[in-house]
Protein backbone atom coordinates (compact mmCIF):
# COMPACT_ATOMS: atom_id res chain seq x y z
CA MET A 1 -19.35 18.90 -3.86
CA GLU A 2 -17.44 21.41 -1.52
CA LYS A 3 -14.40 22.96 -3.22
CA THR A 4 -10.96 22.12 -1.74
CA SER A 5 -8.73 24.81 -0.18
CA PHE A 6 -5.14 25.28 -1.43
CA GLY A 7 -3.92 23.78 1.56
CA GLN A 8 -5.87 20.63 1.28
CA ARG A 9 -4.97 20.41 -2.70
CA LEU A 10 -1.27 20.79 -1.66
CA LYS A 11 -1.67 18.07 1.08
CA LEU A 12 -3.28 15.72 -1.61
CA ALA A 13 -0.58 16.45 -4.05
CA PHE A 14 2.02 15.08 -1.64
CA GLY A 15 -0.35 12.01 -0.73
CA ASN A 16 -1.41 13.33 2.50
CA ALA A 17 2.30 13.24 3.87
CA LYS A 18 3.18 15.12 7.13
CA ASN A 19 4.23 18.70 6.85
CA ALA A 20 7.87 17.81 7.72
CA GLU A 21 8.22 15.41 4.67
CA ILE A 22 6.60 18.17 2.45
CA ALA A 23 9.23 20.63 3.72
CA ARG A 24 11.97 18.27 2.99
CA LYS A 25 10.85 17.59 -0.56
CA ILE A 26 10.50 21.21 -1.76
CA GLY A 27 13.35 22.62 0.39
CA VAL A 28 11.43 24.94 2.88
CA GLY A 29 10.89 24.88 6.54
CA GLU A 30 8.01 23.35 8.40
CA THR A 31 6.59 26.68 9.40
CA ALA A 32 6.44 27.83 5.55
CA VAL A 33 4.45 24.46 4.66
CA SER A 34 2.10 25.43 7.65
CA ASN A 35 1.66 28.84 6.23
CA TYR A 36 0.78 27.25 2.66
CA MET A 37 -1.74 24.85 4.38
CA ALA A 38 -3.42 28.01 6.13
CA GLY A 39 -3.83 29.35 2.44
CA ARG A 40 -0.66 31.33 1.64
CA ILE A 41 0.46 30.82 -1.92
CA PRO A 42 4.21 29.83 -2.53
CA ASP A 43 6.33 31.94 -4.76
CA ALA A 44 7.09 30.75 -8.45
CA GLU A 45 10.25 29.15 -7.53
CA LYS A 46 8.50 26.89 -4.69
CA LEU A 47 5.53 26.19 -7.14
CA ILE A 48 7.92 24.88 -9.82
CA GLN A 49 9.75 22.77 -6.99
CA ILE A 50 6.26 21.32 -5.83
CA ARG A 51 5.47 20.54 -9.66
CA LYS A 52 8.56 18.66 -9.94
CA SER A 53 8.21 16.83 -6.69
CA THR A 54 4.46 15.76 -7.32
CA ASN A 55 3.85 16.01 -11.10
CA CYS A 56 0.61 17.91 -10.06
CA ASP A 57 -1.09 20.18 -12.45
CA LEU A 58 -0.42 23.74 -11.25
CA ASN A 59 -3.72 24.88 -12.56
CA TRP A 60 -5.51 22.47 -10.32
CA LEU A 61 -3.19 23.22 -7.51
CA LEU A 62 -3.86 26.89 -7.49
CA THR A 63 -7.57 26.83 -8.65
CA GLY A 64 -9.06 23.54 -7.92
CA GLU A 65 -10.26 23.32 -11.43
CA GLY A 66 -9.35 20.43 -13.77
CA ASP A 67 -7.54 17.22 -12.39
CA THR A 68 -4.31 16.25 -10.86
CA ASP A 69 -3.15 15.03 -14.34
CA ARG A 70 0.21 13.73 -13.39
CA ASP A 71 1.79 13.31 -17.01
CA ALA A 72 5.21 12.26 -16.13
CA GLY A 73 5.80 8.54 -16.23
CA THR A 74 1.98 7.77 -17.06
CA VAL A 75 1.36 4.17 -17.85
CA HIS A 76 -1.34 3.49 -20.01
CA LEU A 77 -3.63 0.43 -19.02
CA ARG A 78 -6.51 -1.41 -20.78
CA ALA A 79 -9.87 0.48 -20.13
CA GLU A 80 -11.25 -2.57 -18.28
CA ILE A 81 -8.37 -2.51 -15.92
CA VAL A 82 -8.74 1.12 -15.13
CA GLU A 83 -12.53 0.91 -14.60
CA LYS A 84 -12.07 -1.81 -12.12
CA LEU A 85 -9.16 -0.08 -10.35
CA MET A 86 -11.57 3.08 -10.08
CA ALA A 87 -14.30 1.09 -8.92
CA ILE A 88 -12.33 -0.42 -6.00
CA ALA A 89 -10.66 3.06 -5.31
CA GLU A 90 -14.05 4.57 -4.99
CA GLU A 91 -15.10 1.94 -2.56
CA GLN A 92 -12.04 2.08 -0.59
CA ALA A 93 -11.61 5.95 -0.35
CA PRO A 94 -13.75 6.54 2.55
CA ILE A 95 -12.01 3.80 4.54
CA ILE A 96 -8.45 4.73 4.06
CA HIS A 97 -8.99 8.63 4.17
CA SER A 98 -10.30 10.93 6.70
CA HIS A 99 -13.68 12.58 6.52
CA ALA A 100 -11.97 15.89 6.12
CA ASP A 101 -10.25 14.44 2.89
CA LEU A 102 -13.40 13.21 1.33
CA ALA A 103 -14.52 16.81 0.28
CA ALA A 104 -11.92 16.56 -2.47
CA GLY A 105 -14.33 13.91 -4.12
CA ASN A 106 -12.97 12.77 -7.66
CA VAL A 107 -9.39 13.90 -6.97
CA LEU A 108 -9.21 11.84 -3.75
CA ILE A 109 -10.57 8.78 -5.67
CA ARG A 110 -7.75 9.25 -8.20
CA ARG A 111 -5.18 9.43 -5.48
CA THR A 112 -6.68 6.10 -3.87
CA CYS A 113 -6.30 4.73 -7.31
CA GLU A 114 -2.86 5.59 -7.64
CA LEU A 115 -2.04 4.29 -4.15
CA LEU A 116 -3.93 1.09 -4.92
CA VAL A 117 -1.87 0.53 -8.26
CA GLU A 118 1.28 1.47 -6.30
CA TYR A 119 0.60 -1.08 -3.53
CA LEU A 120 -0.44 -3.90 -5.92
CA ILE A 121 2.91 -3.45 -7.94
CA SER A 122 4.93 -3.21 -4.95
CA VAL A 123 3.30 -6.77 -3.83
CA GLY A 124 3.80 -8.16 -7.01
CA LEU A 125 7.56 -7.31 -6.96
CA ALA A 126 8.00 -8.67 -3.57
CA ASP A 127 6.19 -11.88 -4.42
CA SER A 128 8.37 -12.45 -7.47
CA HIS A 129 11.59 -11.62 -5.26
CA LEU A 130 12.29 -8.60 -7.19
CA ILE A 131 12.33 -6.34 -4.16
CA GLU A 132 12.95 -7.46 -0.41
CA ARG A 133 9.64 -5.81 0.88
CA GLU A 134 6.49 -4.88 -0.47
CA ASP A 135 6.86 -1.29 1.39
CA GLN A 136 10.32 -1.07 0.01
CA LEU A 137 9.27 1.30 -2.90
CA MET A 138 6.60 3.06 -1.09
CA THR A 139 6.79 6.23 1.49
CA LYS A 140 6.17 5.29 5.08
CA ALA A 141 2.78 7.47 4.79
CA ASP A 142 1.62 5.49 1.83
CA ALA A 143 2.78 2.25 3.12
CA LYS A 144 0.66 2.96 6.37
CA ARG A 145 -2.38 4.10 4.56
CA ALA A 146 -2.30 1.13 2.03
CA GLU A 147 -2.59 -1.45 5.25
CA ARG A 148 -6.12 0.05 5.60
CA PHE A 149 -7.34 -1.39 2.49
CA THR A 150 -9.97 -3.77 3.65
CA PHE A 151 -8.36 -6.60 1.55
CA VAL A 152 -4.98 -5.88 3.21
CA ALA A 153 -6.38 -5.44 6.78
CA ASP A 154 -8.75 -8.52 6.71
CA ARG A 155 -6.39 -10.87 5.10
CA GLU A 156 -4.95 -13.95 7.03
CA PRO A 157 -1.18 -13.46 7.45
CA SER A 158 0.88 -16.02 5.74
CA ILE A 159 3.86 -17.95 7.31
CA GLU A 160 6.06 -15.40 5.38
CA ASP A 161 4.17 -12.45 6.64
CA ARG A 162 4.66 -13.64 10.21
CA ILE A 163 8.39 -14.43 9.96
CA ARG A 164 8.96 -11.08 8.19
CA GLU A 165 7.00 -9.23 10.89
CA LEU A 166 9.28 -11.07 13.63
CA VAL A 167 12.20 -10.23 11.74
CA LYS A 168 11.16 -6.65 11.44
CA LYS A 169 10.47 -6.69 15.26
CA GLU A 170 13.75 -8.22 16.33
CA SER A 171 15.69 -5.70 14.20
CA LYS A 172 14.16 -2.84 16.16
CA MET A 173 14.25 -4.22 19.58
CA PRO A 174 17.16 -6.63 19.74
CA ALA A 175 17.22 -6.67 23.53
CA LYS A 176 13.85 -8.62 23.64
CA ILE A 177 15.43 -11.62 22.03
CA GLY A 178 18.63 -12.97 24.09
CA ALA A 179 20.09 -15.20 21.73
CA PRO A 180 20.08 -16.54 18.04
CA ASP A 181 18.69 -19.92 19.38
CA GLU A 182 15.68 -18.17 20.90
CA PHE A 183 15.12 -16.46 17.60
CA ARG A 184 15.22 -19.89 15.90
CA ASP A 185 12.82 -21.30 18.35
CA MET A 186 10.29 -18.52 17.72
CA ILE A 187 10.60 -19.15 13.80
CA ARG A 188 10.07 -22.94 14.61
CA ASP A 189 7.04 -22.31 16.68
CA ILE A 190 5.41 -20.18 13.80
CA VAL A 191 6.18 -23.22 11.43
CA LYS A 192 4.71 -25.91 13.74
CA GLU A 193 1.63 -23.77 14.18
CA GLU A 194 1.30 -23.49 10.49
CA VAL A 195 1.87 -27.23 9.82
CA GLY A 196 -0.73 -28.04 12.56
CA ASP A 197 -3.29 -25.57 10.89
CA SER A 198 -2.74 -27.17 7.53
CA ARG A 199 -3.30 -30.69 9.03
CA LYS A 200 -6.68 -29.57 10.35
CA ARG A 201 -7.84 -28.48 6.68
CA PRO A 202 -9.74 -31.19 4.78
CA VAL A 203 -7.55 -33.45 2.71
CA TYR A 204 -8.99 -35.19 -0.52
CA PRO A 205 -7.89 -38.46 -1.65
CA LEU A 206 -5.94 -38.72 -4.64
CA GLN A 207 -7.41 -40.28 -7.78
CA LEU A 208 -5.65 -43.86 -8.16
CA ALA A 209 -4.27 -44.79 -11.52
CA ASP A 210 -6.08 -47.53 -13.29
CA ASP A 211 -3.46 -50.36 -12.38
CA GLU A 212 -3.48 -49.30 -8.77
CA GLU A 213 -7.03 -49.16 -8.67
CA GLU A 214 -7.50 -52.75 -10.13
CA THR A 215 -4.99 -53.99 -7.65
CA THR A 216 -6.76 -52.58 -4.85
CA ARG A 217 -10.00 -54.20 -6.04
CA ARG A 218 -8.21 -57.74 -6.22
CA LYS A 219 -6.98 -57.48 -2.96
CA ALA A 220 -10.44 -56.66 -1.49
CA GLY A 221 -11.98 -59.22 -3.34
């Protein structure tokens, strides 16, 4: 496997965030980050800030040897769960990352696994109404990248997803919706469509209770 450059490892440590976001997190200008991506090594103070921001292993960052080994806030999971998550991450890594990133090999699979866990926890928290949105605790870059997971991209949107998306669009572009009544009509149309689709699905008759079944038989006789 081709060895990664310092710039590639720095990018991976920040979850493939944009230079502007990396610059903000470590307190430098975008020009400095561009220089780091080109191979310039930050001074000791900035390396410590990178370590604090990402929890990456500095030996790995500087030499490419070892692993990212994030030790802060580590959650220990059952081996079977980790094995399954890593298998999914290995399958999904080529889908959600670019070909240039794939040279990172196992490091990229580990980052994919971390994103997978982050996304699944966020969805679970949102479904349990402990947070408002599944992307609330994720960076914009990670949330966008998680949308490329095949099980996310290929899923059929639920009625909650559709209404949430409508509310999101309405909040960003209020001029497109003239009045609250029009907004309510749009939600009503979504609900009507969902109800119509549910009626098309096969309905299985309920099992009659013994006394009801006997009464039905008597009437038929």
